[in-house]
Amino acid sequence: MQGLQEPAPAYLLVLVKEEADQYKREEDFAAVCCLIQNFRLLAHEQSLGVRCTLHDWMYDPSRTEMFGVLNNERIAAVLEMGYGANQWKGNTELPETQLHFELL
């Protein structure tokens, strides 16, 4: 991952199979997003920090093939994982994420 994104102790590439049917493809992506959230919640219980990241290189097949991503797959997200210097002792809530919404 050197040069592709910030250094982290561990990375997990989350892949989703690209179906021919657009409806199925969007349904699968939504399911993967739910899987990522559940993984983050389970990791938090073990005091493991997980950050979900998206990068431009994920959409370039020539760069993703070095990770074994097949033609009918795509990277849904890269999870950066590690134990932070400040462990969340006694705090059962995930850190609040700032979201910005725009009207199109």
PDB file of N, CA and C in Angstrom:
ATOM      1  N   MET A   1       0.818  -1.196   0.000  1.00  0.00           N
ATOM      2  CA  MET A   1       0.000   0.000   0.000  1.00  0.00           C
ATOM      3  C   MET A   1       0.864   1.264   0.000  1.00  0.00           C
ATOM      4  N   GLN A   2       2.178   1.071   0.006  1.00  0.00           N
ATOM      5  CA  GLN A   2       3.071   2.215   0.056  1.00  0.00           C
ATOM      6  C   GLN A   2       2.835   3.132  -1.144  1.00  0.00           C
ATOM      7  N   GLY A   3       2.628   4.389  -0.875  1.00  0.00           N
ATOM      8  CA  GLY A   3       2.396   5.371  -1.919  1.00  0.00           C
ATOM      9  C   GLY A   3       0.949   5.463  -2.370  1.00  0.00           C
ATOM     10  N   LEU A   4       0.103   4.530  -1.959  1.00  0.00           N
ATOM     11  CA  LEU A   4      -1.297   4.558  -2.368  1.00  0.00           C
ATOM     12  C   LEU A   4      -2.164   5.299  -1.358  1.00  0.00           C
ATOM     13  N   GLN A   5      -1.819   5.204  -0.093  1.00  0.00           N
ATOM     14  CA  GLN A   5      -2.584   5.884   0.943  1.00  0.00           C
ATOM     15  C   GLN A   5      -1.761   5.963   2.209  1.00  0.00           C
ATOM     16  N   GLU A   6      -2.341   6.547   3.258  1.00  0.00           N
ATOM     17  CA  GLU A   6      -1.623   6.737   4.507  1.00  0.00           C
ATOM     18  C   GLU A   6      -1.191   5.398   5.098  1.00  0.00           C
ATOM     19  N   PRO A   7      -0.032   5.370   5.766  1.00  0.00           N
ATOM     20  CA  PRO A   7       0.409   4.129   6.400  1.00  0.00           C
ATOM     21  C   PRO A   7      -0.528   3.723   7.545  1.00  0.00           C
ATOM     22  N   ALA A   8      -0.763   2.439   7.661  1.00  0.00           N
ATOM     23  CA  ALA A   8      -1.574   1.881   8.738  1.00  0.00           C
ATOM     24  C   ALA A   8      -0.960   0.539   9.126  1.00  0.00           C
ATOM     25  N   PRO A   9      -1.194   0.083  10.356  1.00  0.00           N
ATOM     26  CA  PRO A   9      -0.663  -1.223  10.765  1.00  0.00           C
ATOM     27  C   PRO A   9      -1.187  -2.375   9.896  1.00  0.00           C
ATOM     28  N   ALA A  10      -2.448  -2.287   9.467  1.00  0.00           N
ATOM     29  CA  ALA A  10      -3.022  -3.364   8.649  1.00  0.00           C
ATOM     30  C   ALA A  10      -4.090  -2.789   7.719  1.00  0.00           C
ATOM     31  N   TYR A  11      -4.245  -3.443   6.573  1.00  0.00           N
ATOM     32  CA  TYR A  11      -5.255  -3.038   5.599  1.00  0.00           C
ATOM     33  C   TYR A  11      -6.121  -4.248   5.273  1.00  0.00           C
ATOM     34  N   LEU A  12      -7.375  -3.975   5.000  1.00  0.00           N
ATOM     35  CA  LEU A  12      -8.277  -5.019   4.533  1.00  0.00           C
ATOM     36  C   LEU A  12      -9.002  -4.473   3.315  1.00  0.00           C
ATOM     37  N   LEU A  13      -8.798  -5.122   2.168  1.00  0.00           N
ATOM     38  CA  LEU A  13      -9.512  -4.727   0.953  1.00  0.00           C
ATOM     39  C   LEU A  13     -10.845  -5.455   0.937  1.00  0.00           C
ATOM     40  N   VAL A  14     -11.925  -4.705   0.827  1.00  0.00           N
ATOM     41  CA  VAL A  14     -13.263  -5.287   0.775  1.00  0.00           C
ATOM     42  C   VAL A  14     -13.701  -5.272  -0.681  1.00  0.00           C
ATOM     43  N   LEU A  15     -13.914  -6.464  -1.227  1.00  0.00           N
ATOM     44  CA  LEU A  15     -14.274  -6.599  -2.640  1.00  0.00           C
ATOM     45  C   LEU A  15     -15.750  -6.922  -2.792  1.00  0.00           C
ATOM     46  N   VAL A  16     -16.295  -6.520  -3.921  1.00  0.00           N
ATOM     47  CA  VAL A  16     -17.671  -6.865  -4.261  1.00  0.00           C
ATOM     48  C   VAL A  16     -17.664  -7.348  -5.711  1.00  0.00           C
ATOM     49  N   LYS A  17     -18.416  -8.400  -5.956  1.00  0.00           N
ATOM     50  CA  LYS A  17     -18.514  -8.948  -7.308  1.00  0.00           C
ATOM     51  C   LYS A  17     -19.407  -8.038  -8.143  1.00  0.00           C
ATOM     52  N   GLU A  18     -18.991  -7.751  -9.360  1.00  0.00           N
ATOM     53  CA  GLU A  18     -19.744  -6.904 -10.272  1.00  0.00           C
ATOM     54  C   GLU A  18     -20.660  -7.770 -11.122  1.00  0.00           C
ATOM     55  N   GLU A  19     -21.939  -7.732 -10.824  1.00  0.00           N
ATOM     56  CA  GLU A  19     -22.933  -8.478 -11.585  1.00  0.00           C
ATOM     57  C   GLU A  19     -23.303  -7.705 -12.845  1.00  0.00           C
ATOM     58  N   ALA A  20     -23.815  -8.393 -13.846  1.00  0.00           N
ATOM     59  CA  ALA A  20     -24.249  -7.743 -15.082  1.00  0.00           C
ATOM     60  C   ALA A  20     -25.505  -6.900 -14.857  1.00  0.00           C
ATOM     61  N   ASP A  21     -26.392  -7.368 -13.994  1.00  0.00           N
ATOM     62  CA  ASP A  21     -27.632  -6.668 -13.700  1.00  0.00           C
ATOM     63  C   ASP A  21     -27.352  -5.478 -12.774  1.00  0.00           C
ATOM     64  N   GLN A  22     -27.707  -4.267 -13.219  1.00  0.00           N
ATOM     65  CA  GLN A  22     -27.450  -3.042 -12.444  1.00  0.00           C
ATOM     66  C   GLN A  22     -28.127  -3.081 -11.074  1.00  0.00           C
ATOM     67  N   TYR A  23     -29.369  -3.568 -11.014  1.00  0.00           N
ATOM     68  CA  TYR A  23     -30.100  -3.646  -9.746  1.00  0.00           C
ATOM     69  C   TYR A  23     -29.360  -4.552  -8.762  1.00  0.00           C
ATOM     70  N   LYS A  24     -28.926  -5.717  -9.234  1.00  0.00           N
ATOM     71  CA  LYS A  24     -28.200  -6.668  -8.387  1.00  0.00           C
ATOM     72  C   LYS A  24     -26.874  -6.074  -7.930  1.00  0.00           C
ATOM     73  N   ARG A  25     -26.213  -5.347  -8.829  1.00  0.00           N
ATOM     74  CA  ARG A  25     -24.926  -4.726  -8.499  1.00  0.00           C
ATOM     75  C   ARG A  25     -25.086  -3.707  -7.369  1.00  0.00           C
ATOM     76  N   GLU A  26     -26.128  -2.867  -7.453  1.00  0.00           N
ATOM     77  CA  GLU A  26     -26.359  -1.875  -6.403  1.00  0.00           C
ATOM     78  C   GLU A  26     -26.780  -2.536  -5.093  1.00  0.00           C
ATOM     79  N   GLU A  27     -27.577  -3.590  -5.177  1.00  0.00           N
ATOM     80  CA  GLU A  27     -27.989  -4.329  -3.983  1.00  0.00           C
ATOM     81  C   GLU A  27     -26.776  -4.965  -3.297  1.00  0.00           C
ATOM     82  N   ASP A  28     -25.875  -5.539  -4.082  1.00  0.00           N
ATOM     83  CA  ASP A  28     -24.671  -6.149  -3.530  1.00  0.00           C
ATOM     84  C   ASP A  28     -23.780  -5.106  -2.854  1.00  0.00           C
ATOM     85  N   PHE A  29     -23.652  -3.926  -3.481  1.00  0.00           N
ATOM     86  CA  PHE A  29     -22.824  -2.878  -2.891  1.00  0.00           C
ATOM     87  C   PHE A  29     -23.406  -2.408  -1.562  1.00  0.00           C
ATOM     88  N   ALA A  30     -24.728  -2.275  -1.495  1.00  0.00           N
ATOM     89  CA  ALA A  30     -25.381  -1.879  -0.242  1.00  0.00           C
ATOM     90  C   ALA A  30     -25.135  -2.927   0.841  1.00  0.00           C
ATOM     91  N   ALA A  31     -25.202  -4.198   0.474  1.00  0.00           N
ATOM     92  CA  ALA A  31     -24.954  -5.276   1.437  1.00  0.00           C
ATOM     93  C   ALA A  31     -23.517  -5.221   1.951  1.00  0.00           C
ATOM     94  N   VAL A  32     -22.571  -4.916   1.069  1.00  0.00           N
ATOM     95  CA  VAL A  32     -21.168  -4.815   1.479  1.00  0.00           C
ATOM     96  C   VAL A  32     -20.976  -3.641   2.434  1.00  0.00           C
ATOM     97  N   CYS A  33     -21.675  -2.546   2.203  1.00  0.00           N
ATOM     98  CA  CYS A  33     -21.593  -1.401   3.118  1.00  0.00           C
ATOM     99  C   CYS A  33     -22.100  -1.779   4.511  1.00  0.00           C
ATOM    100  N   CYS A  34     -23.161  -2.568   4.572  1.00  0.00           N
ATOM    101  CA  CYS A  34     -23.669  -3.054   5.862  1.00  0.00           C
ATOM    102  C   CYS A  34     -22.644  -3.974   6.523  1.00  0.00           C
ATOM    103  N   LEU A  35     -22.007  -4.817   5.733  1.00  0.00           N
ATOM    104  CA  LEU A  35     -20.967  -5.700   6.256  1.00  0.00           C
ATOM    105  C   LEU A  35     -19.828  -4.890   6.858  1.00  0.00           C
ATOM    106  N   ILE A  36     -19.417  -3.834   6.184  1.00  0.00           N
ATOM    107  CA  ILE A  36     -18.336  -2.987   6.683  1.00  0.00           C
ATOM    108  C   ILE A  36     -18.721  -2.361   8.018  1.00  0.00           C
ATOM    109  N   GLN A  37     -19.946  -1.855   8.110  1.00  0.00           N
ATOM    110  CA  GLN A  37     -20.392  -1.240   9.369  1.00  0.00           C
ATOM    111  C   GLN A  37     -20.412  -2.267  10.495  1.00  0.00           C
ATOM    112  N   ASN A  38     -20.916  -3.472  10.230  1.00  0.00           N
ATOM    113  CA  ASN A  38     -20.927  -4.524  11.248  1.00  0.00           C
ATOM    114  C   ASN A  38     -19.509  -4.901  11.669  1.00  0.00           C
ATOM    115  N   PHE A  39     -18.599  -4.960  10.708  1.00  0.00           N
ATOM    116  CA  PHE A  39     -17.199  -5.255  11.014  1.00  0.00           C
ATOM    117  C   PHE A  39     -16.614  -4.174  11.923  1.00  0.00           C
ATOM    118  N   ARG A  40     -16.916  -2.905  11.621  1.00  0.00           N
ATOM    119  CA  ARG A  40     -16.420  -1.800  12.453  1.00  0.00           C
ATOM    120  C   ARG A  40     -16.945  -1.902  13.877  1.00  0.00           C
ATOM    121  N   LEU A  41     -18.211  -2.267  14.032  1.00  0.00           N
ATOM    122  CA  LEU A  41     -18.785  -2.407  15.369  1.00  0.00           C
ATOM    123  C   LEU A  41     -18.127  -3.546  16.139  1.00  0.00           C
ATOM    124  N   LEU A  42     -17.902  -4.680  15.478  1.00  0.00           N
ATOM    125  CA  LEU A  42     -17.234  -5.808  16.130  1.00  0.00           C
ATOM    126  C   LEU A  42     -15.787  -5.464  16.482  1.00  0.00           C
ATOM    127  N   ALA A  43     -15.099  -4.771  15.582  1.00  0.00           N
ATOM    128  CA  ALA A  43     -13.715  -4.371  15.849  1.00  0.00           C
ATOM    129  C   ALA A  43     -13.652  -3.421  17.041  1.00  0.00           C
ATOM    130  N   HIS A  44     -14.606  -2.509  17.116  1.00  0.00           N
ATOM    131  CA  HIS A  44     -14.649  -1.556  18.223  1.00  0.00           C
ATOM    132  C   HIS A  44     -14.770  -2.277  19.567  1.00  0.00           C
ATOM    133  N   GLU A  45     -15.543  -3.362  19.602  1.00  0.00           N
ATOM    134  CA  GLU A  45     -15.668  -4.152  20.832  1.00  0.00           C
ATOM    135  C   GLU A  45     -14.332  -4.716  21.276  1.00  0.00           C
ATOM    136  N   GLN A  46     -13.424  -4.929  20.327  1.00  0.00           N
ATOM    137  CA  GLN A  46     -12.100  -5.461  20.647  1.00  0.00           C
ATOM    138  C   GLN A  46     -11.044  -4.354  20.744  1.00  0.00           C
ATOM    139  N   SER A  47     -11.507  -3.101  20.808  1.00  0.00           N
ATOM    140  CA  SER A  47     -10.629  -1.923  20.891  1.00  0.00           C
ATOM    141  C   SER A  47      -9.735  -1.772  19.666  1.00  0.00           C
ATOM    142  N   LEU A  48     -10.221  -2.237  18.539  1.00  0.00           N
ATOM    143  CA  LEU A  48      -9.491  -2.118  17.276  1.00  0.00           C
ATOM    144  C   LEU A  48     -10.074  -0.955  16.499  1.00  0.00           C
ATOM    145  N   GLY A  49      -9.220  -0.024  16.119  1.00  0.00           N
ATOM    146  CA  GLY A  49      -9.671   1.107  15.323  1.00  0.00           C
ATOM    147  C   GLY A  49      -9.753   0.726  13.859  1.00  0.00           C
ATOM    148  N   VAL A  50     -10.829   1.091  13.194  1.00  0.00           N
ATOM    149  CA  VAL A  50     -11.017   0.797  11.777  1.00  0.00           C
ATOM    150  C   VAL A  50     -11.481   2.067  11.078  1.00  0.00           C
ATOM    151  N   ARG A  51     -10.769   2.434  10.032  1.00  0.00           N
ATOM    152  CA  ARG A  51     -11.160   3.584   9.221  1.00  0.00           C
ATOM    153  C   ARG A  51     -11.435   3.098   7.808  1.00  0.00           C
ATOM    154  N   CYS A  52     -12.594   3.464   7.290  1.00  0.00           N
ATOM    155  CA  CYS A  52     -13.005   3.079   5.943  1.00  0.00           C
ATOM    156  C   CYS A  52     -12.560   4.175   4.981  1.00  0.00           C
ATOM    157  N   THR A  53     -11.781   3.817   3.956  1.00  0.00           N
ATOM    158  CA  THR A  53     -11.263   4.814   3.030  1.00  0.00           C
ATOM    159  C   THR A  53     -11.600   4.445   1.590  1.00  0.00           C
ATOM    160  N   LEU A  54     -11.722   5.471   0.766  1.00  0.00           N
ATOM    161  CA  LEU A  54     -11.939   5.343  -0.673  1.00  0.00           C
ATOM    162  C   LEU A  54     -10.893   6.195  -1.374  1.00  0.00           C
ATOM    163  N   HIS A  55     -10.312   5.674  -2.454  1.00  0.00           N
ATOM    164  CA  HIS A  55      -9.242   6.389  -3.157  1.00  0.00           C
ATOM    165  C   HIS A  55      -9.411   6.233  -4.660  1.00  0.00           C
ATOM    166  N   ASP A  56      -8.860   7.177  -5.405  1.00  0.00           N
ATOM    167  CA  ASP A  56      -8.940   7.140  -6.870  1.00  0.00           C
ATOM    168  C   ASP A  56      -8.323   5.872  -7.457  1.00  0.00           C
ATOM    169  N   TRP A  57      -7.241   5.381  -6.875  1.00  0.00           N
ATOM    170  CA  TRP A  57      -6.546   4.218  -7.430  1.00  0.00           C
ATOM    171  C   TRP A  57      -7.413   2.965  -7.399  1.00  0.00           C
ATOM    172  N   MET A  58      -8.451   2.942  -6.550  1.00  0.00           N
ATOM    173  CA  MET A  58      -9.315   1.761  -6.446  1.00  0.00           C
ATOM    174  C   MET A  58     -10.088   1.503  -7.742  1.00  0.00           C
ATOM    175  N   TYR A  59     -10.239   2.533  -8.570  1.00  0.00           N
ATOM    176  CA  TYR A  59     -11.029   2.418  -9.790  1.00  0.00           C
ATOM    177  C   TYR A  59     -10.166   2.180 -11.032  1.00  0.00           C
ATOM    178  N   ASP A  60      -8.878   1.971 -10.829  1.00  0.00           N
ATOM    179  CA  ASP A  60      -7.940   1.737 -11.930  1.00  0.00           C
ATOM    180  C   ASP A  60      -7.555   0.253 -11.944  1.00  0.00           C
ATOM    181  N   PRO A  61      -8.106  -0.527 -12.896  1.00  0.00           N
ATOM    182  CA  PRO A  61      -7.829  -1.972 -12.927  1.00  0.00           C
ATOM    183  C   PRO A  61      -6.344  -2.318 -13.004  1.00  0.00           C
ATOM    184  N   SER A  62      -5.537  -1.482 -13.650  1.00  0.00           N
ATOM    185  CA  SER A  62      -4.104  -1.776 -13.744  1.00  0.00           C
ATOM    186  C   SER A  62      -3.422  -1.696 -12.373  1.00  0.00           C
ATOM    187  N   ARG A  63      -3.993  -0.927 -11.454  1.00  0.00           N
ATOM    188  CA  ARG A  63      -3.417  -0.819 -10.112  1.00  0.00           C
ATOM    189  C   ARG A  63      -4.014  -1.840  -9.151  1.00  0.00           C
ATOM    190  N   THR A  64      -5.286  -2.204  -9.354  1.00  0.00           N
ATOM    191  CA  THR A  64      -5.919  -3.144  -8.432  1.00  0.00           C
ATOM    192  C   THR A  64      -5.549  -4.592  -8.726  1.00  0.00           C
ATOM    193  N   GLU A  65      -5.126  -4.878  -9.941  1.00  0.00           N
ATOM    194  CA  GLU A  65      -4.779  -6.271 -10.270  1.00  0.00           C
ATOM    195  C   GLU A  65      -3.579  -6.766  -9.479  1.00  0.00           C
ATOM    196  N   MET A  66      -2.739  -5.852  -8.981  1.00  0.00           N
ATOM    197  CA  MET A  66      -1.595  -6.282  -8.163  1.00  0.00           C
ATOM    198  C   MET A  66      -2.048  -6.880  -6.826  1.00  0.00           C
ATOM    199  N   PHE A  67      -3.308  -6.632  -6.456  1.00  0.00           N
ATOM    200  CA  PHE A  67      -3.868  -7.200  -5.234  1.00  0.00           C
ATOM    201  C   PHE A  67      -4.721  -8.434  -5.521  1.00  0.00           C
ATOM    202  N   GLY A  68      -4.764  -8.863  -6.780  1.00  0.00           N
ATOM    203  CA  GLY A  68      -5.528 -10.050  -7.133  1.00  0.00           C
ATOM    204  C   GLY A  68      -6.995  -9.780  -7.423  1.00  0.00           C
ATOM    205  N   VAL A  69      -7.358  -8.523  -7.630  1.00  0.00           N
ATOM    206  CA  VAL A  69      -8.745  -8.186  -7.946  1.00  0.00           C
ATOM    207  C   VAL A  69      -9.041  -8.632  -9.382  1.00  0.00           C
ATOM    208  N   LEU A  70     -10.079  -9.437  -9.547  1.00  0.00           N
ATOM    209  CA  LEU A  70     -10.436  -9.977 -10.858  1.00  0.00           C
ATOM    210  C   LEU A  70     -11.241  -8.969 -11.669  1.00  0.00           C
ATOM    211  N   ASN A  71     -11.415  -9.262 -12.963  1.00  0.00           N
ATOM    212  CA  ASN A  71     -12.149  -8.365 -13.854  1.00  0.00           C
ATOM    213  C   ASN A  71     -13.599  -8.186 -13.428  1.00  0.00           C
ATOM    214  N   ASN A  72     -14.194  -9.202 -12.820  1.00  0.00           N
ATOM    215  CA  ASN A  72     -15.605  -9.111 -12.415  1.00  0.00           C
ATOM    216  C   ASN A  72     -15.759  -8.691 -10.952  1.00  0.00           C
ATOM    217  N   GLU A  73     -14.721  -8.079 -10.379  1.00  0.00           N
ATOM    218  CA  GLU A  73     -14.744  -7.602  -8.997  1.00  0.00           C
ATOM    219  C   GLU A  73     -14.306  -6.146  -8.956  1.00  0.00           C
ATOM    220  N   ARG A  74     -14.663  -5.493  -7.858  1.00  0.00           N
ATOM    221  CA  ARG A  74     -14.151  -4.138  -7.617  1.00  0.00           C
ATOM    222  C   ARG A  74     -13.919  -3.964  -6.121  1.00  0.00           C
ATOM    223  N   ILE A  75     -13.064  -3.040  -5.783  1.00  0.00           N
ATOM    224  CA  ILE A  75     -12.805  -2.745  -4.380  1.00  0.00           C
ATOM    225  C   ILE A  75     -13.906  -1.804  -3.904  1.00  0.00           C
ATOM    226  N   ALA A  76     -14.645  -2.229  -2.897  1.00  0.00           N
ATOM    227  CA  ALA A  76     -15.701  -1.397  -2.331  1.00  0.00           C
ATOM    228  C   ALA A  76     -15.112  -0.386  -1.350  1.00  0.00           C
ATOM    229  N   ALA A  77     -14.084  -0.795  -0.620  1.00  0.00           N
ATOM    230  CA  ALA A  77     -13.443   0.090   0.363  1.00  0.00           C
ATOM    231  C   ALA A  77     -12.137  -0.541   0.814  1.00  0.00           C
ATOM    232  N   VAL A  78     -11.277   0.287   1.351  1.00  0.00           N
ATOM    233  CA  VAL A  78     -10.055  -0.172   2.016  1.00  0.00           C
ATOM    234  C   VAL A  78     -10.231   0.163   3.489  1.00  0.00           C
ATOM    235  N   LEU A  79     -10.139  -0.855   4.327  1.00  0.00           N
ATOM    236  CA  LEU A  79     -10.232  -0.638   5.763  1.00  0.00           C
ATOM    237  C   LEU A  79      -8.821  -0.566   6.329  1.00  0.00           C
ATOM    238  N   GLU A  80      -8.530   0.540   6.987  1.00  0.00           N
ATOM    239  CA  GLU A  80      -7.253   0.707   7.676  1.00  0.00           C
ATOM    240  C   GLU A  80      -7.502   0.356   9.134  1.00  0.00           C
ATOM    241  N   MET A  81      -6.686  -0.548   9.670  1.00  0.00           N
ATOM    242  CA  MET A  81      -6.929  -1.055  11.022  1.00  0.00           C
ATOM    243  C   MET A  81      -5.698  -0.942  11.890  1.00  0.00           C
ATOM    244  N   GLY A  82      -5.940  -0.736  13.166  1.00  0.00           N
ATOM    245  CA  GLY A  82      -4.843  -0.713  14.120  1.00  0.00           C
ATOM    246  C   GLY A  82      -5.323  -0.343  15.501  1.00  0.00           C
ATOM    247  N   TYR A  83      -4.455  -0.567  16.468  1.00  0.00           N
ATOM    248  CA  TYR A  83      -4.723  -0.177  17.847  1.00  0.00           C
ATOM    249  C   TYR A  83      -4.096   1.188  18.051  1.00  0.00           C
ATOM    250  N   GLY A  84      -4.923   2.147  18.446  1.00  0.00           N
ATOM    251  CA  GLY A  84      -4.437   3.509  18.642  1.00  0.00           C
ATOM    252  C   GLY A  84      -3.687   3.671  19.941  1.00  0.00           C
ATOM    253  N   ALA A  85      -2.934   4.753  20.039  1.00  0.00           N
ATOM    254  CA  ALA A  85      -2.217   5.061  21.273  1.00  0.00           C
ATOM    255  C   ALA A  85      -3.204   5.362  22.398  1.00  0.00           C
ATOM    256  N   ASN A  86      -4.329   5.977  22.041  1.00  0.00           N
ATOM    257  CA  ASN A  86      -5.367   6.284  23.030  1.00  0.00           C
ATOM    258  C   ASN A  86      -6.500   5.284  22.849  1.00  0.00           C
ATOM    259  N   GLN A  87      -6.483   4.222  23.623  1.00  0.00           N
ATOM    260  CA  GLN A  87      -7.555   3.222  23.546  1.00  0.00           C
ATOM    261  C   GLN A  87      -8.826   3.801  24.129  1.00  0.00           C
ATOM    262  N   TRP A  88      -9.975   3.372  23.621  1.00  0.00           N
ATOM    263  CA  TRP A  88     -11.271   3.848  24.103  1.00  0.00           C
ATOM    264  C   TRP A  88     -11.662   3.042  25.332  1.00  0.00           C
ATOM    265  N   LYS A  89     -11.198   3.410  26.477  1.00  0.00           N
ATOM    266  CA  LYS A  89     -11.511   2.669  27.694  1.00  0.00           C
ATOM    267  C   LYS A  89     -12.852   3.113  28.236  1.00  0.00           C
ATOM    268  N   GLY A  90     -13.768   2.162  28.361  1.00  0.00           N
ATOM    269  CA  GLY A  90     -15.064   2.441  28.932  1.00  0.00           C
ATOM    270  C   GLY A  90     -16.035   3.158  28.011  1.00  0.00           C
ATOM    271  N   ASN A  91     -15.597   3.595  26.866  1.00  0.00           N
ATOM    272  CA  ASN A  91     -16.468   4.300  25.934  1.00  0.00           C
ATOM    273  C   ASN A  91     -17.044   3.287  24.958  1.00  0.00           C
ATOM    274  N   THR A  92     -18.349   3.165  24.933  1.00  0.00           N
ATOM    275  CA  THR A  92     -18.976   2.178  24.052  1.00  0.00           C
ATOM    276  C   THR A  92     -19.518   2.793  22.776  1.00  0.00           C
ATOM    277  N   GLU A  93     -19.311   4.081  22.573  1.00  0.00           N
ATOM    278  CA  GLU A  93     -19.807   4.734  21.370  1.00  0.00           C
ATOM    279  C   GLU A  93     -18.682   4.907  20.360  1.00  0.00           C
ATOM    280  N   LEU A  94     -19.038   4.745  19.077  1.00  0.00           N
ATOM    281  CA  LEU A  94     -18.076   5.018  18.017  1.00  0.00           C
ATOM    282  C   LEU A  94     -17.909   6.520  17.876  1.00  0.00           C
ATOM    283  N   PRO A  95     -16.719   6.969  17.463  1.00  0.00           N
ATOM    284  CA  PRO A  95     -16.537   8.402  17.264  1.00  0.00           C
ATOM    285  C   PRO A  95     -17.528   8.916  16.219  1.00  0.00           C
ATOM    286  N   GLU A  96     -18.024  10.101  16.434  1.00  0.00           N
ATOM    287  CA  GLU A  96     -18.998  10.710  15.532  1.00  0.00           C
ATOM    288  C   GLU A  96     -18.305  11.100  14.231  1.00  0.00           C
ATOM    289  N   THR A  97     -18.873  10.696  13.113  1.00  0.00           N
ATOM    290  CA  THR A  97     -18.339  11.043  11.809  1.00  0.00           C
ATOM    291  C   THR A  97     -19.051  12.287  11.295  1.00  0.00           C
ATOM    292  N   GLN A  98     -18.286  13.235  10.795  1.00  0.00           N
ATOM    293  CA  GLN A  98     -18.875  14.434  10.235  1.00  0.00           C
ATOM    294  C   GLN A  98     -19.278  14.164   8.790  1.00  0.00           C
ATOM    295  N   LEU A  99     -20.540  14.362   8.481  1.00  0.00           N
ATOM    296  CA  LEU A  99     -21.043  14.174   7.123  1.00  0.00           C
ATOM    297  C   LEU A  99     -21.445  15.520   6.544  1.00  0.00           C
ATOM    298  N   HIS A 100     -21.175  15.694   5.276  1.00  0.00           N
ATOM    299  CA  HIS A 100     -21.543  16.910   4.588  1.00  0.00           C
ATOM    300  C   HIS A 100     -22.475  16.541   3.451  1.00  0.00           C
ATOM    301  N   PHE A 101     -23.651  17.132   3.435  1.00  0.00           N
ATOM    302  CA  PHE A 101     -24.634  16.839   2.403  1.00  0.00           C
ATOM    303  C   PHE A 101     -24.823  18.053   1.509  1.00  0.00           C
ATOM    304  N   GLU A 102     -24.992  17.803   0.220  1.00  0.00           N
ATOM    305  CA  GLU A 102     -25.278  18.860  -0.739  1.00  0.00           C
ATOM    306  C   GLU A 102     -26.508  18.501  -1.528  1.00  0.00           C
ATOM    307  N   LEU A 103     -27.309  19.498  -1.850  1.00  0.00           N
ATOM    308  CA  LEU A 103     -28.441  19.290  -2.744  1.00  0.00           C
ATOM    309  C   LEU A 103     -27.922  19.357  -4.169  1.00  0.00           C
ATOM    310  N   LEU A 104     -28.303  18.379  -4.972  1.00  0.00           N
ATOM    311  CA  LEU A 104     -27.863  18.359  -6.372  1.00  0.00           C
ATOM    312  C   LEU A 104     -28.884  18.979  -7.268  1.00  0.00           C
TER     313      LEU A 104
END
